[in-house]
């Protein structure tokens, strides 16, 4: 169950909310740790990119695997089975 708030999709289940909060907490912790040692904005961006990209790819993979079939069909269109 996905709820839409403007352009943001909010998780409809507790497990989805916990995974979302864990991903955001991890990204915030990485950002603060990297920003503490960096000398410029570009240092920060280059240093956090691998962590953020990996986190959001994993988040998207988990969300795609745990969504219901009807939600996936709405996003990608009807499946073509023979």
Protein backbone atom coordinates (compact mmCIF):
# COMPACT_ATOMS: atom_id res chain seq x y z
CA UNK A 1 0.00 0.00 0.00
CA UNK A 2 1.61 3.21 -1.17
CA UNK A 3 0.35 6.63 -0.23
CA UNK A 4 1.19 9.66 -2.34
CA UNK A 5 1.90 13.02 -0.74
CA UNK A 6 2.59 15.44 -3.57
CA UNK A 7 5.54 14.03 -5.51
CA UNK A 8 6.70 11.82 -2.63
CA UNK A 9 5.64 8.20 -2.22
CA UNK A 10 5.21 7.32 1.45
CA UNK A 11 5.49 3.71 2.60
CA UNK A 12 2.20 2.22 3.69
CA UNK A 13 3.61 -0.47 5.98
CA UNK A 14 5.77 -0.34 9.10
CA UNK A 15 8.61 -2.33 7.51
CA UNK A 16 8.79 0.14 4.62
CA UNK A 17 8.88 3.06 7.04
CA UNK A 18 11.69 1.41 9.04
CA UNK A 19 13.76 0.77 5.92
CA UNK A 20 13.20 4.36 4.78
CA UNK A 21 14.26 5.76 8.15
CA UNK A 22 17.31 3.48 8.26
CA UNK A 23 18.41 4.60 4.78
CA UNK A 24 17.95 8.28 5.64
CA UNK A 25 19.77 7.89 8.97
CA UNK A 26 22.68 6.13 7.25
CA UNK A 27 22.93 8.84 4.59
CA UNK A 28 22.82 11.59 7.22
CA UNK A 29 25.54 9.90 9.25
CA UNK A 30 27.76 9.46 6.19
CA UNK A 31 27.21 13.06 5.14
CA UNK A 32 28.12 14.42 8.57
CA UNK A 33 31.21 12.21 8.84
CA UNK A 34 32.45 13.14 5.37
CA UNK A 35 31.61 16.83 5.70
CA UNK A 36 33.63 17.02 8.90
CA UNK A 37 36.84 16.08 7.01
CA UNK A 38 36.25 17.68 3.60
CA UNK A 39 37.68 20.98 2.45
CA UNK A 40 35.16 21.94 -0.20
CA UNK A 41 31.69 21.22 -1.48
CA UNK A 42 33.06 19.10 -4.31
CA UNK A 43 35.06 17.02 -1.79
CA UNK A 44 31.84 16.31 0.06
CA UNK A 45 29.88 15.42 -3.08
CA UNK A 46 32.58 13.12 -4.44
CA UNK A 47 32.96 11.38 -1.09
CA UNK A 48 29.29 10.79 -0.31
CA UNK A 49 28.23 9.78 -3.82
CA UNK A 50 29.24 6.08 -3.59
CA UNK A 51 27.47 5.70 -0.25
CA UNK A 52 24.32 7.54 -1.34
CA UNK A 53 24.12 5.76 -4.70
CA UNK A 54 24.58 2.34 -3.11
CA UNK A 55 22.04 3.07 -0.40
CA UNK A 56 19.37 4.31 -2.79
CA UNK A 57 19.97 1.47 -5.24
CA UNK A 58 19.53 -1.04 -2.42
CA UNK A 59 16.47 0.87 -1.20
CA UNK A 60 14.94 0.81 -4.70
CA UNK A 61 15.72 -2.90 -5.08
CA UNK A 62 14.06 -3.76 -1.75
CA UNK A 63 11.04 -1.59 -2.57
CA UNK A 64 10.69 -3.25 -5.98
CA UNK A 65 10.96 -6.76 -4.54
CA UNK A 66 8.48 -6.17 -1.75
CA UNK A 67 5.84 -4.24 -3.68
CA UNK A 68 2.73 -6.07 -4.75
CA UNK A 69 2.31 -7.23 -8.32
CA UNK A 70 -0.46 -4.74 -9.06
CA UNK A 71 1.72 -1.83 -7.94
CA UNK A 72 4.54 -2.98 -10.24
CA UNK A 73 2.12 -3.34 -13.16
CA UNK A 74 0.82 0.18 -12.63
CA UNK A 75 4.36 1.51 -12.91
CA UNK A 76 5.55 -0.60 -15.85
CA UNK A 77 2.30 -1.36 -17.65
CA UNK A 78 0.55 -4.70 -18.08
CA UNK A 79 2.71 -7.80 -18.25
CA UNK A 80 2.86 -9.68 -21.52
CA UNK A 81 2.46 -13.37 -20.89
CA UNK A 82 1.77 -15.94 -23.55
